[in-house]
């Protein structure tokens, strides 16, 4: 064989190996060509939950509580506090411990809105001379921002708690 023929055979063999490796990578999903289709929010949530290492998380939060004193129109009393919150992605519910709490025994419904987890539940009790009709908290999973809101009759919403949360990790014992 001539040198040019040997070189040509080497090039063709190399191209065939590269093409086979590329095809195998494409079939296994390692290589993608074109535009990846956009997922709906529900499809994205299912993908996130499928790929998540955890079905539930517990969070520790440092917050500022801005509690009305006698009525909603008076200046609130503000203090800082540490509280625990939890999100259960498998059962789509959540809870937190606070002044108006969505407790572990009476969890709220969890809905994901982008990176925000929104946990809410209806309520029916009186505080500050007003009827409370709902409670909710949001937790942004990107930055850990926590906001707890109470809804009063007449759709008046008051943010009672604001702060930041981080994932609680427990040491192995």
N, C-alpha and C. Protein backbone atom coordinates (compact mmCIF):
# COMPACT_ATOMS: atom_id res chain seq x y z
N UNK A 1 0.84 -1.18 0.00
CA UNK A 1 0.00 0.00 0.00
C UNK A 1 0.88 1.24 0.00
N UNK A 2 0.38 2.21 -0.65
CA UNK A 2 1.09 3.48 -0.69
C UNK A 2 0.82 4.27 0.58
N UNK A 3 1.72 5.23 0.84
CA UNK A 3 1.57 6.08 2.02
C UNK A 3 0.27 6.85 2.01
N UNK A 4 -0.15 7.37 0.87
CA UNK A 4 -1.38 8.16 0.79
C UNK A 4 -2.61 7.31 1.04
N UNK A 5 -2.57 6.04 0.62
CA UNK A 5 -3.71 5.14 0.83
C UNK A 5 -3.81 4.79 2.32
N UNK A 6 -2.67 4.55 2.99
CA UNK A 6 -2.65 4.24 4.41
C UNK A 6 -3.19 5.44 5.20
N UNK A 7 -2.78 6.65 4.83
CA UNK A 7 -3.26 7.85 5.49
C UNK A 7 -4.76 8.03 5.33
N UNK A 8 -5.25 7.75 4.11
CA UNK A 8 -6.68 7.88 3.83
C UNK A 8 -7.48 6.87 4.64
N UNK A 9 -6.99 5.63 4.73
CA UNK A 9 -7.67 4.60 5.51
C UNK A 9 -7.70 5.00 6.99
N UNK A 10 -6.62 5.58 7.49
CA UNK A 10 -6.56 6.03 8.89
C UNK A 10 -7.58 7.12 9.16
N UNK A 11 -7.68 8.06 8.24
CA UNK A 11 -8.64 9.15 8.40
C UNK A 11 -10.07 8.62 8.38
N UNK A 12 -10.38 7.73 7.45
CA UNK A 12 -11.73 7.17 7.34
C UNK A 12 -12.07 6.36 8.60
N UNK A 13 -11.10 5.58 9.09
CA UNK A 13 -11.33 4.79 10.30
C UNK A 13 -11.55 5.69 11.50
N UNK A 14 -10.78 6.78 11.61
CA UNK A 14 -10.96 7.74 12.72
C UNK A 14 -12.32 8.40 12.66
N UNK A 15 -12.74 8.79 11.45
CA UNK A 15 -14.08 9.40 11.30
C UNK A 15 -15.18 8.42 11.67
N UNK A 16 -15.02 7.16 11.31
CA UNK A 16 -16.03 6.15 11.62
C UNK A 16 -16.13 5.95 13.13
N UNK A 17 -14.99 5.92 13.83
CA UNK A 17 -14.99 5.77 15.29
C UNK A 17 -15.65 6.98 15.95
N UNK A 18 -15.32 8.20 15.48
CA UNK A 18 -15.92 9.42 16.02
C UNK A 18 -17.43 9.44 15.79
N UNK A 19 -17.86 9.05 14.60
CA UNK A 19 -19.29 9.03 14.28
C UNK A 19 -20.02 8.02 15.17
N UNK A 20 -19.41 6.84 15.37
CA UNK A 20 -20.04 5.82 16.22
C UNK A 20 -20.13 6.32 17.67
N UNK A 21 -19.07 6.96 18.15
CA UNK A 21 -19.08 7.49 19.52
C UNK A 21 -20.13 8.60 19.65
N UNK A 22 -20.24 9.47 18.67
CA UNK A 22 -21.25 10.53 18.68
C UNK A 22 -22.66 9.98 18.68
N UNK A 23 -22.90 8.95 17.84
CA UNK A 23 -24.22 8.34 17.77
C UNK A 23 -24.58 7.67 19.09
N UNK A 24 -23.60 6.96 19.68
CA UNK A 24 -23.83 6.33 20.97
C UNK A 24 -24.12 7.39 22.04
N UNK A 25 -23.36 8.47 22.06
CA UNK A 25 -23.59 9.55 23.01
C UNK A 25 -24.96 10.18 22.84
N UNK A 26 -25.42 10.34 21.59
CA UNK A 26 -26.74 10.90 21.32
C UNK A 26 -27.83 9.96 21.82
N UNK A 27 -27.68 8.66 21.55
CA UNK A 27 -28.68 7.68 21.97
C UNK A 27 -28.78 7.59 23.50
N UNK A 28 -27.64 7.76 24.18
CA UNK A 28 -27.64 7.69 25.64
C UNK A 28 -28.04 9.00 26.29
N UNK A 29 -28.22 10.07 25.49
CA UNK A 29 -28.64 11.36 26.02
C UNK A 29 -27.49 12.23 26.48
N UNK A 30 -26.25 11.80 26.21
CA UNK A 30 -25.08 12.59 26.61
C UNK A 30 -24.88 13.78 25.69
N UNK A 31 -25.31 13.64 24.44
CA UNK A 31 -25.14 14.69 23.44
C UNK A 31 -26.52 15.04 22.91
N UNK A 32 -26.84 16.34 22.83
CA UNK A 32 -28.13 16.77 22.31
C UNK A 32 -27.93 17.78 21.19
N UNK A 33 -28.71 17.64 20.15
CA UNK A 33 -28.67 18.56 19.03
C UNK A 33 -29.98 19.30 18.96
N UNK A 34 -29.97 20.56 18.57
CA UNK A 34 -31.20 21.32 18.41
C UNK A 34 -31.66 21.92 19.72
N UNK A 35 -32.89 22.40 19.73
CA UNK A 35 -33.46 23.09 20.88
C UNK A 35 -34.21 22.09 21.75
N UNK A 36 -33.96 22.13 23.04
CA UNK A 36 -34.66 21.27 23.99
C UNK A 36 -36.05 21.88 24.21
N UNK A 37 -37.13 21.08 24.07
CA UNK A 37 -38.47 21.64 24.25
C UNK A 37 -38.69 22.17 25.66
N UNK A 38 -39.44 23.27 25.80
CA UNK A 38 -39.72 23.89 27.09
C UNK A 38 -40.79 23.06 27.81
N UNK A 39 -40.55 22.81 29.09
CA UNK A 39 -41.48 22.02 29.89
C UNK A 39 -42.49 22.93 30.56
N UNK A 40 -43.69 22.40 30.77
CA UNK A 40 -44.68 23.14 31.55
C UNK A 40 -44.25 23.13 33.01
N UNK A 41 -44.86 23.96 33.84
CA UNK A 41 -44.51 24.03 35.25
C UNK A 41 -44.74 22.68 35.93
N UNK A 42 -45.83 22.00 35.59
CA UNK A 42 -46.12 20.70 36.20
C UNK A 42 -45.09 19.66 35.78
N UNK A 43 -44.70 19.66 34.49
CA UNK A 43 -43.68 18.73 34.02
C UNK A 43 -42.34 19.01 34.69
N UNK A 44 -42.00 20.30 34.84
CA UNK A 44 -40.74 20.67 35.47
C UNK A 44 -40.72 20.23 36.93
N UNK A 45 -41.86 20.40 37.65
CA UNK A 45 -41.94 19.98 39.05
C UNK A 45 -41.74 18.47 39.15
N UNK A 46 -42.37 17.70 38.25
CA UNK A 46 -42.20 16.25 38.26
C UNK A 46 -40.75 15.87 38.00
N UNK A 47 -40.10 16.57 37.05
CA UNK A 47 -38.69 16.30 36.76
C UNK A 47 -37.83 16.64 37.98
N UNK A 48 -38.09 17.78 38.60
CA UNK A 48 -37.33 18.20 39.78
C UNK A 48 -37.48 17.18 40.90
N UNK A 49 -38.71 16.72 41.11
CA UNK A 49 -38.96 15.76 42.17
C UNK A 49 -38.32 14.41 41.84
N UNK A 50 -38.35 14.02 40.57
CA UNK A 50 -37.76 12.76 40.14
C UNK A 50 -36.25 12.80 40.33
N UNK A 51 -35.65 13.95 40.04
CA UNK A 51 -34.20 14.08 40.13
C UNK A 51 -33.72 14.48 41.52
N UNK A 52 -34.63 14.82 42.40
CA UNK A 52 -34.23 15.29 43.73
C UNK A 52 -33.68 14.14 44.57
N UNK A 53 -32.70 14.46 45.39
CA UNK A 53 -32.14 13.47 46.29
C UNK A 53 -33.05 13.28 47.50
N UNK A 54 -33.96 14.21 47.71
CA UNK A 54 -34.76 14.20 48.92
C UNK A 54 -36.25 14.37 48.60
N UNK A 55 -37.07 13.73 49.40
CA UNK A 55 -38.51 13.88 49.25
C UNK A 55 -39.04 14.94 50.20
N UNK A 56 -38.31 15.18 51.29
CA UNK A 56 -38.72 16.17 52.28
C UNK A 56 -37.47 16.84 52.84
N UNK A 57 -37.60 18.12 53.19
CA UNK A 57 -36.48 18.84 53.79
C UNK A 57 -36.96 19.56 55.03
N UNK A 58 -36.06 19.72 55.97
CA UNK A 58 -36.31 20.51 57.17
C UNK A 58 -35.38 21.70 57.12
N UNK A 59 -35.91 22.87 57.46
CA UNK A 59 -35.17 24.12 57.37
C UNK A 59 -35.13 24.82 58.71
N UNK A 60 -34.06 25.53 58.95
CA UNK A 60 -33.97 26.38 60.14
C UNK A 60 -33.95 27.82 59.63
N UNK A 61 -34.75 28.68 60.24
CA UNK A 61 -34.96 30.03 59.73
C UNK A 61 -34.67 31.08 60.80
N UNK A 62 -33.99 32.11 60.39
CA UNK A 62 -33.78 33.30 61.24
C UNK A 62 -34.72 34.36 60.68
N UNK A 63 -35.67 34.82 61.50
CA UNK A 63 -36.72 35.70 60.99
C UNK A 63 -36.95 36.90 61.91
N UNK A 64 -37.59 37.91 61.34
CA UNK A 64 -38.09 39.06 62.09
C UNK A 64 -39.61 38.93 62.13
N UNK A 65 -40.16 38.92 63.32
CA UNK A 65 -41.61 38.82 63.51
C UNK A 65 -42.14 40.23 63.74
N UNK A 66 -43.10 40.64 62.92
CA UNK A 66 -43.70 41.97 63.02
C UNK A 66 -45.16 41.79 63.42
N UNK A 67 -45.38 41.65 64.73
CA UNK A 67 -46.70 41.30 65.25
C UNK A 67 -47.50 42.54 65.64
N UNK A 68 -48.72 42.71 65.07
CA UNK A 68 -49.57 43.80 65.53
C UNK A 68 -49.84 43.67 67.02
N UNK A 69 -50.06 44.82 67.69
CA UNK A 69 -50.24 44.78 69.14
C UNK A 69 -51.72 44.64 69.50
N UNK A 70 -52.51 45.67 69.22
CA UNK A 70 -53.93 45.63 69.58
C UNK A 70 -54.83 45.50 68.35
N UNK A 71 -54.44 46.18 67.28
CA UNK A 71 -55.21 46.11 66.04
C UNK A 71 -54.23 46.15 64.88
N UNK A 72 -54.74 45.92 63.68
CA UNK A 72 -53.87 45.92 62.50
C UNK A 72 -53.37 47.31 62.14
N UNK A 73 -54.01 48.34 62.67
CA UNK A 73 -53.63 49.71 62.33
C UNK A 73 -52.62 50.31 63.29
N UNK A 74 -52.27 49.61 64.36
CA UNK A 74 -51.27 50.12 65.31
C UNK A 74 -49.88 49.66 64.87
N UNK A 75 -48.84 50.39 65.27
CA UNK A 75 -47.49 49.95 64.94
C UNK A 75 -47.20 48.57 65.53
N UNK A 76 -46.58 47.69 64.76
CA UNK A 76 -46.34 46.33 65.26
C UNK A 76 -45.15 46.27 66.21
N UNK A 77 -45.16 45.24 67.02
CA UNK A 77 -44.02 44.93 67.88
C UNK A 77 -43.12 43.99 67.07
N UNK A 78 -41.84 44.35 66.95
CA UNK A 78 -40.92 43.57 66.12
C UNK A 78 -39.88 42.90 67.00
N UNK A 79 -39.66 41.62 66.76
CA UNK A 79 -38.60 40.88 67.44
C UNK A 79 -38.05 39.81 66.50
N UNK A 80 -36.84 39.35 66.79
CA UNK A 80 -36.25 38.29 65.98
C UNK A 80 -36.45 36.95 66.66
N UNK A 81 -36.43 35.91 65.83
CA UNK A 81 -36.73 34.58 66.33
C UNK A 81 -36.12 33.54 65.40
N UNK A 82 -35.89 32.37 65.91
CA UNK A 82 -35.46 31.23 65.10
C UNK A 82 -36.61 30.25 65.06
N UNK A 83 -36.94 29.76 63.87
CA UNK A 83 -38.02 28.79 63.75
C UNK A 83 -37.63 27.68 62.79
N UNK A 84 -38.38 26.60 62.84
CA UNK A 84 -38.17 25.44 61.99
C UNK A 84 -39.32 25.35 61.00
N UNK A 85 -38.99 24.97 59.75
CA UNK A 85 -40.01 24.78 58.72
C UNK A 85 -39.70 23.48 57.98
N UNK A 86 -40.70 22.95 57.32
CA UNK A 86 -40.50 21.71 56.56
C UNK A 86 -41.30 21.72 55.28
N UNK A 87 -40.75 21.10 54.25
CA UNK A 87 -41.43 20.93 52.97
C UNK A 87 -41.37 19.46 52.60
N UNK A 88 -42.52 18.90 52.25
CA UNK A 88 -42.61 17.49 51.86
C UNK A 88 -43.05 17.45 50.41
N UNK A 89 -42.10 17.19 49.50
CA UNK A 89 -42.38 17.24 48.07
C UNK A 89 -43.14 16.01 47.60
N UNK A 90 -43.02 14.91 48.31
CA UNK A 90 -43.74 13.69 47.93
C UNK A 90 -45.23 13.85 48.20
N UNK A 91 -45.57 14.37 49.38
CA UNK A 91 -46.98 14.52 49.76
C UNK A 91 -47.54 15.92 49.47
N UNK A 92 -46.70 16.81 48.92
CA UNK A 92 -47.07 18.18 48.55
C UNK A 92 -47.71 18.94 49.72
N UNK A 93 -47.00 18.97 50.85
CA UNK A 93 -47.45 19.77 51.98
C UNK A 93 -46.25 20.37 52.69
N UNK A 94 -46.53 21.28 53.61
CA UNK A 94 -45.46 21.94 54.35
C UNK A 94 -45.98 22.48 55.67
N UNK A 95 -45.05 22.93 56.51
CA UNK A 95 -45.39 23.43 57.84
C UNK A 95 -44.28 24.36 58.32
N UNK A 96 -44.57 25.12 59.36
CA UNK A 96 -43.56 25.91 60.05
C UNK A 96 -44.04 26.15 61.47
N UNK A 97 -43.10 26.42 62.35
CA UNK A 97 -43.42 26.74 63.73
C UNK A 97 -43.26 28.24 63.91
N UNK A 98 -44.32 28.91 64.28
CA UNK A 98 -44.24 30.34 64.48
C UNK A 98 -45.43 30.84 65.27
N UNK A 99 -45.66 32.15 65.23
CA UNK A 99 -46.77 32.72 65.99
C UNK A 99 -48.14 32.31 65.43
N UNK A 100 -48.29 32.38 64.13
CA UNK A 100 -49.46 31.80 63.47
C UNK A 100 -48.88 30.63 62.71
N UNK A 101 -48.98 29.43 63.23
CA UNK A 101 -48.24 28.36 62.60
C UNK A 101 -49.12 27.45 61.77
N UNK A 102 -48.55 27.02 60.68
CA UNK A 102 -49.09 25.90 59.92
C UNK A 102 -48.28 24.73 60.46
N UNK A 103 -48.83 24.04 61.43
CA UNK A 103 -48.07 23.11 62.26
C UNK A 103 -47.84 21.76 61.57
N UNK A 104 -46.97 20.97 62.18
CA UNK A 104 -46.70 19.64 61.65
C UNK A 104 -47.94 18.76 61.70
N UNK A 105 -48.82 19.00 62.66
CA UNK A 105 -50.03 18.19 62.75
C UNK A 105 -51.15 18.71 61.85
N UNK A 106 -51.10 19.98 61.45
CA UNK A 106 -52.11 20.57 60.55
C UNK A 106 -51.37 21.27 59.41
N UNK A 107 -50.81 20.48 58.52
CA UNK A 107 -49.97 20.99 57.43
C UNK A 107 -50.80 21.73 56.39
N UNK A 108 -50.11 22.59 55.63
CA UNK A 108 -50.74 23.30 54.54
C UNK A 108 -50.39 22.65 53.21
N UNK A 109 -51.14 23.00 52.18
CA UNK A 109 -50.92 22.46 50.84
C UNK A 109 -49.74 23.17 50.18
N UNK A 110 -48.85 22.38 49.56
CA UNK A 110 -47.65 22.90 48.91
C UNK A 110 -47.86 22.98 47.40
N UNK A 111 -47.54 24.15 46.83
CA UNK A 111 -47.56 24.36 45.40
C UNK A 111 -46.25 25.04 45.03
N UNK A 112 -45.61 24.59 43.96
CA UNK A 112 -44.38 25.23 43.50
C UNK A 112 -44.73 26.25 42.43
N UNK A 113 -44.18 27.46 42.56
CA UNK A 113 -44.32 28.52 41.57
C UNK A 113 -42.91 28.96 41.19
N UNK A 114 -42.35 28.31 40.19
CA UNK A 114 -40.96 28.55 39.84
C UNK A 114 -40.08 28.02 40.96
N UNK A 115 -39.22 28.86 41.51
CA UNK A 115 -38.35 28.43 42.61
C UNK A 115 -39.00 28.61 43.97
N UNK A 116 -40.22 29.18 43.99
CA UNK A 116 -40.89 29.43 45.27
C UNK A 116 -41.83 28.30 45.65
N UNK A 117 -41.66 27.84 46.89
CA UNK A 117 -42.60 26.90 47.48
C UNK A 117 -43.64 27.74 48.21
N UNK A 118 -44.91 27.54 47.88
CA UNK A 118 -46.00 28.28 48.52
C UNK A 118 -46.84 27.27 49.30
N UNK A 119 -46.91 27.47 50.61
CA UNK A 119 -47.68 26.58 51.48
C UNK A 119 -48.81 27.40 52.09
N UNK A 120 -50.05 26.92 51.94
CA UNK A 120 -51.20 27.67 52.47
C UNK A 120 -52.27 26.73 52.99
N UNK A 121 -53.12 27.33 53.81
CA UNK A 121 -54.30 26.60 54.29
C UNK A 121 -55.33 27.61 54.75
N UNK A 122 -56.60 27.25 54.67
CA UNK A 122 -57.64 28.16 55.16
C UNK A 122 -57.64 28.18 56.68
N UNK A 123 -58.17 29.25 57.23
CA UNK A 123 -58.25 29.39 58.68
C UNK A 123 -59.56 30.07 59.04
N UNK A 124 -59.91 30.00 60.29
CA UNK A 124 -61.12 30.67 60.76
C UNK A 124 -60.96 30.92 62.26
N UNK A 125 -60.28 32.04 62.59
CA UNK A 125 -60.15 32.44 63.97
C UNK A 125 -59.98 33.95 64.01
N UNK A 126 -60.22 34.52 65.18
CA UNK A 126 -60.16 35.98 65.31
C UNK A 126 -58.88 36.40 66.02
N UNK A 127 -58.24 37.45 65.46
CA UNK A 127 -57.07 38.07 66.08
C UNK A 127 -57.10 39.55 65.78
N UNK A 128 -56.71 40.35 66.73
CA UNK A 128 -56.62 41.80 66.59
C UNK A 128 -57.95 42.42 66.17
N UNK A 129 -59.06 41.82 66.61
CA UNK A 129 -60.38 42.34 66.29
C UNK A 129 -60.81 42.04 64.86
N UNK A 130 -60.10 41.18 64.16
CA UNK A 130 -60.40 40.83 62.75
C UNK A 130 -60.48 39.31 62.62
N UNK A 131 -61.22 38.84 61.62
CA UNK A 131 -61.33 37.41 61.36
C UNK A 131 -60.23 36.98 60.39
N UNK A 132 -59.40 36.02 60.80
CA UNK A 132 -58.36 35.45 59.94
C UNK A 132 -59.00 34.37 59.09
N UNK A 133 -58.84 34.47 57.76
CA UNK A 133 -59.45 33.48 56.87
C UNK A 133 -58.42 32.60 56.15
N UNK A 134 -57.14 32.95 56.27
CA UNK A 134 -56.12 32.12 55.62
C UNK A 134 -54.72 32.43 56.10
N UNK A 135 -53.86 31.43 55.99
CA UNK A 135 -52.46 31.57 56.35
C UNK A 135 -51.63 31.02 55.19
N UNK A 136 -50.47 31.61 54.96
CA UNK A 136 -49.59 31.08 53.94
C UNK A 136 -48.16 31.49 54.22
N UNK A 137 -47.23 30.69 53.73
CA UNK A 137 -45.84 31.12 53.72
C UNK A 137 -45.21 30.74 52.40
N UNK A 138 -44.23 31.53 52.00
CA UNK A 138 -43.47 31.23 50.79
C UNK A 138 -42.02 31.06 51.18
N UNK A 139 -41.36 30.18 50.48
CA UNK A 139 -39.94 29.97 50.65
C UNK A 139 -39.31 29.89 49.27
N UNK A 140 -38.43 30.83 48.98
CA UNK A 140 -37.74 30.83 47.69
C UNK A 140 -36.54 29.90 47.81
N UNK A 141 -36.53 28.82 47.05
CA UNK A 141 -35.45 27.84 47.15
C UNK A 141 -34.15 28.34 46.55
N UNK A 142 -34.19 29.45 45.81
CA UNK A 142 -32.94 29.99 45.26
C UNK A 142 -32.15 30.75 46.32
N UNK A 143 -32.84 31.59 47.11
CA UNK A 143 -32.11 32.41 48.08
C UNK A 143 -32.52 32.18 49.53
N UNK A 144 -33.50 31.30 49.78
CA UNK A 144 -33.90 30.98 51.15
C UNK A 144 -34.84 31.99 51.81
N UNK A 145 -35.35 32.96 51.03
CA UNK A 145 -36.21 33.99 51.62
C UNK A 145 -37.56 33.39 52.04
N UNK A 146 -37.93 33.67 53.29
CA UNK A 146 -39.16 33.15 53.91
C UNK A 146 -40.07 34.33 54.22
N UNK A 147 -41.34 34.24 53.80
CA UNK A 147 -42.35 35.26 54.13
C UNK A 147 -43.62 34.54 54.54
N UNK A 148 -44.13 34.89 55.72
CA UNK A 148 -45.39 34.33 56.21
C UNK A 148 -46.44 35.43 56.20
N UNK A 149 -47.58 35.13 55.59
CA UNK A 149 -48.66 36.11 55.40
C UNK A 149 -49.95 35.58 56.01
N UNK A 150 -50.68 36.47 56.67
CA UNK A 150 -52.00 36.13 57.21
C UNK A 150 -53.02 36.95 56.43
N UNK A 151 -54.10 36.29 55.98
CA UNK A 151 -55.16 36.96 55.24
C UNK A 151 -56.37 37.13 56.15
N UNK A 152 -56.84 38.38 56.25
CA UNK A 152 -58.00 38.69 57.08
C UNK A 152 -59.23 38.85 56.19
N UNK A 153 -60.40 38.75 56.80
CA UNK A 153 -61.65 38.93 56.08
C UNK A 153 -61.59 40.26 55.34
N UNK A 154 -62.07 40.27 54.09
CA UNK A 154 -61.99 41.46 53.26
C UNK A 154 -60.71 41.46 52.41
N UNK A 155 -60.01 40.32 52.38
CA UNK A 155 -58.77 40.13 51.62
C UNK A 155 -57.63 41.06 52.02
N UNK A 156 -57.60 41.49 53.26
CA UNK A 156 -56.47 42.28 53.75
C UNK A 156 -55.36 41.30 54.14
N UNK A 157 -54.19 41.47 53.53
CA UNK A 157 -53.06 40.58 53.79
C UNK A 157 -51.99 41.33 54.56
N UNK A 158 -51.45 40.66 55.58
CA UNK A 158 -50.41 41.26 56.41
C UNK A 158 -49.25 40.27 56.50
N UNK A 159 -48.05 40.74 56.13
CA UNK A 159 -46.84 39.93 56.30
C UNK A 159 -46.44 40.02 57.77
N UNK A 160 -46.44 38.89 58.45
CA UNK A 160 -46.12 38.86 59.86
C UNK A 160 -44.64 38.50 60.07
N UNK A 161 -44.13 37.57 59.27
CA UNK A 161 -42.77 37.08 59.45
C UNK A 161 -42.00 37.19 58.14
N UNK A 162 -40.76 37.69 58.23
CA UNK A 162 -39.86 37.74 57.07
C UNK A 162 -38.48 37.32 57.54
N UNK A 163 -37.80 36.56 56.73
CA UNK A 163 -36.45 36.13 57.09
C UNK A 163 -35.86 35.23 56.05
N UNK A 164 -34.86 34.47 56.47
CA UNK A 164 -34.15 33.56 55.57
C UNK A 164 -33.98 32.21 56.23
N UNK A 165 -34.05 31.16 55.41
CA UNK A 165 -33.95 29.79 55.88
C UNK A 165 -32.80 29.09 55.18
N UNK A 166 -32.27 28.08 55.85
CA UNK A 166 -31.26 27.21 55.28
C UNK A 166 -31.61 25.78 55.63
N UNK A 167 -31.11 24.86 54.85
CA UNK A 167 -31.40 23.46 55.08
C UNK A 167 -30.75 22.98 56.37
N UNK A 168 -31.51 22.33 57.18
CA UNK A 168 -31.01 21.79 58.45
C UNK A 168 -30.36 20.45 58.17
N UNK A 169 -29.10 20.32 58.52
CA UNK A 169 -28.42 19.03 58.36
C UNK A 169 -28.12 18.47 59.73
N UNK A 170 -28.30 17.21 59.86
CA UNK A 170 -28.09 16.54 61.13
C UNK A 170 -26.84 15.66 61.03
N UNK A 171 -26.06 15.70 62.06
CA UNK A 171 -24.85 14.87 62.08
C UNK A 171 -25.23 13.40 62.22
N UNK A 172 -24.49 12.53 61.56
CA UNK A 172 -24.78 11.09 61.75
C UNK A 172 -24.32 10.62 63.12
N UNK A 173 -25.18 9.97 63.84
CA UNK A 173 -24.84 9.46 65.17
C UNK A 173 -24.86 7.96 65.17
